[in-house]
């Protein structure tokens, strides 16, 4: 089985990508065809609070990593702040 997989690994990689693309396509089509279920007031609140939370967490992590206690360079503090406040 391992030899077969190794021999045809490019096919399985492409198959995995196509299946993932199909799942994402299905999720977006269902979401937009049935509506998001969000009225205008809630959407405005959501689009206001989310960026504020994101910027706040970025600033908090940057302040934490910039502290003298950790003894890191400014470049490392920026990298750590960005990596800790962003999701993959």
Protein backbone atom coordinates (compact mmCIF):
# COMPACT_ATOMS: atom_id res chain seq x y z
CA UNK A 1 0.00 0.00 0.00
CA UNK A 2 2.83 2.39 0.88
CA UNK A 3 4.54 1.79 -2.46
CA UNK A 4 1.29 2.44 -4.33
CA UNK A 5 0.75 5.68 -2.43
CA UNK A 6 4.33 6.80 -3.01
CA UNK A 7 4.08 6.02 -6.72
CA UNK A 8 0.79 7.94 -7.09
CA UNK A 9 1.33 10.65 -4.46
CA UNK A 10 0.81 13.52 -6.90
CA UNK A 11 -2.62 12.10 -7.82
CA UNK A 12 -3.62 11.80 -4.14
CA UNK A 13 -2.39 15.32 -3.44
CA UNK A 14 -4.50 16.69 -6.30
CA UNK A 15 -7.49 14.60 -5.14
CA UNK A 16 -7.14 16.03 -1.63
CA UNK A 17 -7.09 19.58 -3.02
CA UNK A 18 -10.16 18.96 -5.18
CA UNK A 19 -12.12 17.47 -2.26
CA UNK A 20 -11.18 20.41 -0.01
CA UNK A 21 -12.16 22.87 -2.74
CA UNK A 22 -15.51 21.10 -3.07
CA UNK A 23 -16.16 21.35 0.66
CA UNK A 24 -15.34 25.06 0.73
CA UNK A 25 -17.43 25.70 -2.39
CA UNK A 26 -20.39 23.87 -0.87
CA UNK A 27 -20.12 25.79 2.40
CA UNK A 28 -20.05 29.18 0.66
CA UNK A 29 -22.85 28.31 -1.74
CA UNK A 30 -25.08 27.18 1.12
CA UNK A 31 -24.28 30.24 3.19
CA UNK A 32 -25.06 32.75 0.45
CA UNK A 33 -28.05 30.96 -1.07
CA UNK A 34 -29.86 30.64 2.27
CA UNK A 35 -28.83 34.04 3.56
CA UNK A 36 -26.46 34.85 6.35
CA UNK A 37 -29.19 35.19 8.97
CA UNK A 38 -27.81 38.53 10.10
CA UNK A 39 -29.77 41.76 10.20
CA UNK A 40 -28.17 45.13 9.49
CA UNK A 41 -27.81 46.26 13.11
CA UNK A 42 -26.00 43.09 14.14
CA UNK A 43 -23.80 43.19 11.05
CA UNK A 44 -22.69 46.76 11.81
CA UNK A 45 -21.96 45.81 15.42
CA UNK A 46 -20.04 42.75 14.30
CA UNK A 47 -17.95 44.62 11.73
CA UNK A 48 -17.16 47.29 14.33
CA UNK A 49 -16.26 45.05 17.26
CA UNK A 50 -14.19 42.46 15.40
CA UNK A 51 -11.54 44.87 14.03
CA UNK A 52 -11.35 46.62 17.40
CA UNK A 53 -10.77 43.30 19.16
CA UNK A 54 -8.17 42.29 16.61
CA UNK A 55 -6.23 45.56 16.87
CA UNK A 56 -6.54 45.45 20.65
CA UNK A 57 -5.12 41.94 20.86
CA UNK A 58 -2.32 42.89 18.47
CA UNK A 59 -1.38 45.89 20.61
CA UNK A 60 -1.61 43.88 23.84
CA UNK A 61 0.66 41.13 22.55
CA UNK A 62 3.11 43.67 21.12
CA UNK A 63 3.29 45.47 24.48
CA UNK A 64 3.81 42.16 26.26
CA UNK A 65 6.56 40.96 23.93
CA UNK A 66 8.22 44.39 23.92
CA UNK A 67 8.64 44.34 27.71
CA UNK A 68 12.16 44.30 29.16
CA UNK A 69 11.31 41.13 31.09
CA UNK A 70 11.43 38.97 27.95
CA UNK A 71 14.60 40.57 26.52
CA UNK A 72 13.71 40.22 22.83
CA UNK A 73 14.68 42.47 19.91
CA UNK A 74 12.08 44.83 18.38
CA UNK A 75 11.89 42.64 15.26
CA UNK A 76 11.22 39.55 17.37
CA UNK A 77 8.55 41.46 19.33
CA UNK A 78 6.75 42.41 16.11
CA UNK A 79 6.97 38.85 14.77
CA UNK A 80 5.71 37.38 18.05
CA UNK A 81 2.84 39.89 18.24
CA UNK A 82 1.73 39.15 14.68
CA UNK A 83 2.01 35.39 15.12
CA UNK A 84 0.18 35.38 18.46
CA UNK A 85 -2.73 37.54 17.30
CA UNK A 86 -3.33 35.82 13.95
CA UNK A 87 -4.85 32.47 13.35
CA UNK A 88 -3.60 30.13 10.67
